[in-house]
Amino acid sequence: MKKLALALIGITLAGSAAAQMKPEEAIKFRQSAYATMAWNMHRIKDNIDGKYNKDEVIKAANVIQSIANSGMGALYLPGTDKGKGWVETRVKPELFKDKEKVGKVATDFNREANEMAKVAATGDAAAAKAQFEKLGGTCKACHDDFRTKD
């Protein structure tokens, strides 16, 4: 019961902190997180396409897993559909309208990120490559539906 109470307090505090955040700050934080994830996706890809280094893949997969489970949805505040963080946001307005589809995409990404960390820990390069493709598919699904093209 004590753990549940602490968790609820944490969620409440995180939610109130996000609610007080300026839209440009929220955009900047999420852009930073996505840039960090992209760097780590590249680290994994470089390893599965080249000489496989289990430790590098584990580190990168753990970073992606952490960000995936960090509650980034709180950074999609009202008013963050337009504006600038480090650069102009590329989020499509549909992200703020289709909560069911966003929830599915986010759930799929979290599941595959968690699985990527598990697979990376085994050291099996072939399994890591297969899981990386699944993880990348969830990134693509979100980009296709909710991000403007470069």
C-alpha atoms as a PDB file:
ATOM      1  CA  MET A   1       0.000   0.000   0.000  1.00  0.00           C
ATOM      2  CA  LYS A   2       2.879   2.342   0.850  1.00  0.00           C
ATOM      3  CA  LYS A   3       4.433   1.759  -2.607  1.00  0.00           C
ATOM      4  CA  LEU A   4       1.101   2.531  -4.294  1.00  0.00           C
ATOM      5  CA  ALA A   5       0.776   5.779  -2.362  1.00  0.00           C
ATOM      6  CA  LEU A   6       4.327   6.794  -3.290  1.00  0.00           C
ATOM      7  CA  ALA A   7       3.682   5.957  -6.937  1.00  0.00           C
ATOM      8  CA  LEU A   8       0.511   8.065  -6.976  1.00  0.00           C
ATOM      9  CA  ILE A   9       2.346  10.980  -5.366  1.00  0.00           C
ATOM     10  CA  GLY A  10       5.101  10.656  -7.976  1.00  0.00           C
ATOM     11  CA  ILE A  11       2.615  10.620 -10.844  1.00  0.00           C
ATOM     12  CA  THR A  12       0.820  13.647  -9.405  1.00  0.00           C
ATOM     13  CA  LEU A  13       4.054  15.599  -8.996  1.00  0.00           C
ATOM     14  CA  ALA A  14       5.259  14.668 -12.486  1.00  0.00           C
ATOM     15  CA  GLY A  15       1.921  15.681 -13.957  1.00  0.00           C
ATOM     16  CA  SER A  16       1.887  19.016 -12.152  1.00  0.00           C
ATOM     17  CA  ALA A  17       5.491  19.700 -13.192  1.00  0.00           C
ATOM     18  CA  ALA A  18       4.607  19.020 -16.813  1.00  0.00           C
ATOM     19  CA  ALA A  19       1.507  21.201 -16.549  1.00  0.00           C
ATOM     20  CA  GLN A  20       3.686  24.128 -15.397  1.00  0.00           C
ATOM     21  CA  MET A  21       6.155  23.649 -18.224  1.00  0.00           C
ATOM     22  CA  LYS A  22       6.181  26.132 -21.090  1.00  0.00           C
ATOM     23  CA  PRO A  23       5.331  24.594 -24.484  1.00  0.00           C
ATOM     24  CA  GLU A  24       8.768  25.395 -25.914  1.00  0.00           C
ATOM     25  CA  GLU A  25      10.410  23.624 -22.958  1.00  0.00           C
ATOM     26  CA  ALA A  26       8.289  20.509 -23.503  1.00  0.00           C
ATOM     27  CA  ILE A  27       9.146  20.519 -27.210  1.00  0.00           C
ATOM     28  CA  LYS A  28      12.853  20.926 -26.414  1.00  0.00           C
ATOM     29  CA  PHE A  29      12.824  18.049 -23.904  1.00  0.00           C
ATOM     30  CA  ARG A  30      11.068  15.654 -26.267  1.00  0.00           C
ATOM     31  CA  GLN A  31      13.321  16.630 -29.189  1.00  0.00           C
ATOM     32  CA  SER A  32      16.329  15.923 -26.978  1.00  0.00           C
ATOM     33  CA  ALA A  33      14.962  12.524 -25.977  1.00  0.00           C
ATOM     34  CA  TYR A  34      14.233  11.562 -29.580  1.00  0.00           C
ATOM     35  CA  ALA A  35      17.717  12.683 -30.673  1.00  0.00           C
ATOM     36  CA  THR A  36      19.224  10.519 -27.933  1.00  0.00           C
ATOM     37  CA  MET A  37      17.110   7.566 -29.036  1.00  0.00           C
ATOM     38  CA  ALA A  38      18.151   8.095 -32.670  1.00  0.00           C
ATOM     39  CA  TRP A  39      21.835   8.092 -31.698  1.00  0.00           C
ATOM     40  CA  ASN A  40      21.356   4.837 -29.819  1.00  0.00           C
ATOM     41  CA  MET A  41      19.396   3.260 -32.686  1.00  0.00           C
ATOM     42  CA  HIS A  42      22.407   4.089 -34.887  1.00  0.00           C
ATOM     43  CA  ARG A  43      24.738   2.477 -32.334  1.00  0.00           C
ATOM     44  CA  ILE A  44      22.743  -0.745 -32.516  1.00  0.00           C
ATOM     45  CA  LYS A  45      22.522  -0.640 -36.306  1.00  0.00           C
ATOM     46  CA  ASP A  46      26.266  -0.102 -36.649  1.00  0.00           C
ATOM     47  CA  ASN A  47      26.854  -3.189 -34.508  1.00  0.00           C
ATOM     48  CA  ILE A  48      24.407  -5.488 -36.267  1.00  0.00           C
ATOM     49  CA  ASP A  49      25.709  -4.374 -39.667  1.00  0.00           C
ATOM     50  CA  GLY A  50      29.384  -4.546 -38.706  1.00  0.00           C
ATOM     51  CA  LYS A  51      31.468  -6.165 -36.017  1.00  0.00           C
ATOM     52  CA  TYR A  52      29.031  -7.056 -33.227  1.00  0.00           C
ATOM     53  CA  ASN A  53      29.882  -5.643 -29.815  1.00  0.00           C
ATOM     54  CA  LYS A  54      27.448  -7.020 -27.247  1.00  0.00           C
ATOM     55  CA  ASP A  55      28.281  -4.378 -24.637  1.00  0.00           C
ATOM     56  CA  GLU A  56      27.598  -1.498 -27.031  1.00  0.00           C
ATOM     57  CA  VAL A  57      24.265  -2.995 -28.060  1.00  0.00           C
ATOM     58  CA  ILE A  58      23.273  -3.519 -24.420  1.00  0.00           C
ATOM     59  CA  LYS A  59      24.126   0.069 -23.510  1.00  0.00           C
ATOM     60  CA  ALA A  60      22.214   1.473 -26.471  1.00  0.00           C
ATOM     61  CA  ALA A  61      19.196  -0.783 -25.920  1.00  0.00           C
ATOM     62  CA  ASN A  62      19.059   0.198 -22.240  1.00  0.00           C
ATOM     63  CA  VAL A  63      19.015   3.899 -23.124  1.00  0.00           C
ATOM     64  CA  ILE A  64      16.175   3.365 -25.605  1.00  0.00           C
ATOM     65  CA  GLN A  65      14.263   1.282 -23.071  1.00  0.00           C
ATOM     66  CA  SER A  66      14.683   3.958 -20.402  1.00  0.00           C
ATOM     67  CA  ILE A  67      13.411   6.730 -22.625  1.00  0.00           C
ATOM     68  CA  ALA A  68      10.542   4.572 -23.886  1.00  0.00           C
ATOM     69  CA  ASN A  69       9.404   4.000 -20.310  1.00  0.00           C
ATOM     70  CA  SER A  70      10.036   7.536 -19.058  1.00  0.00           C
ATOM     71  CA  GLY A  71       6.512   8.882 -19.547  1.00  0.00           C
ATOM     72  CA  MET A  72       7.313  11.119 -22.502  1.00  0.00           C
ATOM     73  CA  GLY A  73       3.603  11.431 -23.225  1.00  0.00           C
ATOM     74  CA  ALA A  74       3.587  14.159 -20.566  1.00  0.00           C
ATOM     75  CA  LEU A  75       5.660  16.301 -22.958  1.00  0.00           C
ATOM     76  CA  TYR A  76       2.801  16.472 -25.469  1.00  0.00           C
ATOM     77  CA  LEU A  77       1.060  19.314 -23.679  1.00  0.00           C
ATOM     78  CA  PRO A  78      -1.647  21.493 -25.190  1.00  0.00           C
ATOM     79  CA  GLY A  79       0.081  24.092 -27.330  1.00  0.00           C
ATOM     80  CA  THR A  80       3.004  21.859 -28.277  1.00  0.00           C
ATOM     81  CA  ASP A  81       1.518  20.944 -31.641  1.00  0.00           C
ATOM     82  CA  LYS A  82       3.231  24.056 -33.009  1.00  0.00           C
ATOM     83  CA  GLY A  83       6.291  25.919 -31.902  1.00  0.00           C
ATOM     84  CA  LYS A  84       9.996  25.595 -31.494  1.00  0.00           C
ATOM     85  CA  GLY A  85      12.194  23.693 -29.106  1.00  0.00           C
ATOM     86  CA  TRP A  86      15.674  23.307 -30.592  1.00  0.00           C
ATOM     87  CA  VAL A  87      13.978  23.428 -34.015  1.00  0.00           C
ATOM     88  CA  GLU A  88      10.382  23.750 -35.183  1.00  0.00           C
ATOM     89  CA  THR A  89       8.317  20.809 -34.028  1.00  0.00           C
ATOM     90  CA  ARG A  90       7.431  18.285 -36.717  1.00  0.00           C
ATOM     91  CA  VAL A  91       4.533  16.706 -34.863  1.00  0.00           C
ATOM     92  CA  LYS A  92       1.351  16.449 -36.901  1.00  0.00           C
ATOM     93  CA  PRO A  93      -1.903  17.765 -35.399  1.00  0.00           C
ATOM     94  CA  GLU A  94      -3.328  14.218 -35.682  1.00  0.00           C
ATOM     95  CA  LEU A  95      -1.195  13.171 -32.713  1.00  0.00           C
ATOM     96  CA  PHE A  96      -3.358  15.349 -30.464  1.00  0.00           C
ATOM     97  CA  LYS A  97      -6.631  14.105 -31.973  1.00  0.00           C
ATOM     98  CA  ASP A  98      -6.338  10.322 -32.305  1.00  0.00           C
ATOM     99  CA  LYS A  99      -5.588   9.212 -28.742  1.00  0.00           C
ATOM    100  CA  GLU A 100      -6.454   5.576 -29.464  1.00  0.00           C
ATOM    101  CA  LYS A 101      -3.967   5.281 -32.326  1.00  0.00           C
ATOM    102  CA  VAL A 102      -1.315   7.216 -30.384  1.00  0.00           C
ATOM    103  CA  GLY A 103      -1.814   4.854 -27.452  1.00  0.00           C
ATOM    104  CA  LYS A 104      -1.348   1.821 -29.686  1.00  0.00           C
ATOM    105  CA  VAL A 105       1.802   3.218 -31.308  1.00  0.00           C
ATOM    106  CA  ALA A 106       3.252   4.154 -27.912  1.00  0.00           C
ATOM    107  CA  THR A 107       2.390   0.758 -26.395  1.00  0.00           C
ATOM    108  CA  ASP A 108       3.945  -1.059 -29.350  1.00  0.00           C
ATOM    109  CA  PHE A 109       7.103   1.032 -29.081  1.00  0.00           C
ATOM    110  CA  ASN A 110       7.424   0.440 -25.325  1.00  0.00           C
ATOM    111  CA  ARG A 111       6.928  -3.310 -25.756  1.00  0.00           C
ATOM    112  CA  GLU A 112       9.556  -3.577 -28.497  1.00  0.00           C
ATOM    113  CA  ALA A 113      12.018  -1.322 -26.635  1.00  0.00           C
ATOM    114  CA  ASN A 114      11.695  -3.511 -23.542  1.00  0.00           C
ATOM    115  CA  GLU A 115      12.170  -6.618 -25.665  1.00  0.00           C
ATOM    116  CA  MET A 116      15.216  -5.058 -27.380  1.00  0.00           C
ATOM    117  CA  ALA A 117      16.896  -4.630 -23.989  1.00  0.00           C
ATOM    118  CA  LYS A 118      16.138  -8.273 -23.089  1.00  0.00           C
ATOM    119  CA  VAL A 119      17.426  -9.586 -26.415  1.00  0.00           C
ATOM    120  CA  ALA A 120      20.545  -7.395 -26.287  1.00  0.00           C
ATOM    121  CA  ALA A 121      21.436  -8.894 -22.908  1.00  0.00           C
ATOM    122  CA  THR A 122      21.620 -12.376 -24.455  1.00  0.00           C
ATOM    123  CA  GLY A 123      24.458 -11.384 -26.786  1.00  0.00           C
ATOM    124  CA  ASP A 124      22.781 -13.140 -29.719  1.00  0.00           C
ATOM    125  CA  ALA A 125      23.558 -10.941 -32.744  1.00  0.00           C
ATOM    126  CA  ALA A 126      20.955 -12.571 -35.010  1.00  0.00           C
ATOM    127  CA  ALA A 127      18.225 -12.172 -32.401  1.00  0.00           C
ATOM    128  CA  ALA A 128      19.282  -8.561 -31.803  1.00  0.00           C
ATOM    129  CA  LYS A 129      19.034  -7.841 -35.519  1.00  0.00           C
ATOM    130  CA  ALA A 130      15.540  -9.357 -35.713  1.00  0.00           C
ATOM    131  CA  GLN A 131      14.371  -7.410 -32.660  1.00  0.00           C
ATOM    132  CA  PHE A 132      15.970  -4.206 -33.937  1.00  0.00           C
ATOM    133  CA  GLU A 133      13.841  -4.510 -37.081  1.00  0.00           C
ATOM    134  CA  LYS A 134      10.693  -4.841 -34.943  1.00  0.00           C
ATOM    135  CA  LEU A 135      11.711  -1.853 -32.842  1.00  0.00           C
ATOM    136  CA  GLY A 136      12.484   0.198 -35.937  1.00  0.00           C
ATOM    137  CA  GLY A 137       9.075  -0.706 -37.334  1.00  0.00           C
ATOM    138  CA  THR A 138       7.416   0.928 -34.349  1.00  0.00           C
ATOM    139  CA  CYS A 139       9.467   4.084 -34.895  1.00  0.00           C
ATOM    140  CA  LYS A 140       8.442   4.129 -38.555  1.00  0.00           C
ATOM    141  CA  ALA A 141       4.772   3.664 -37.683  1.00  0.00           C
ATOM    142  CA  CYS A 142       4.851   6.731 -35.456  1.00  0.00           C
ATOM    143  CA  HIS A 143       6.809   8.799 -37.982  1.00  0.00           C
ATOM    144  CA  ASP A 144       4.446   7.811 -40.797  1.00  0.00           C
ATOM    145  CA  ASP A 145       1.320   8.764 -38.864  1.00  0.00           C
ATOM    146  CA  PHE A 146       2.367  11.582 -36.551  1.00  0.00           C
ATOM    147  CA  ARG A 147       5.492  13.327 -37.856  1.00  0.00           C
ATOM    148  CA  THR A 148       5.834  15.632 -40.831  1.00  0.00           C
ATOM    149  CA  LYS A 149       8.394  14.671 -43.431  1.00  0.00           C
ATOM    150  CA  ASP A 150      11.839  16.277 -43.369  1.00  0.00           C
END
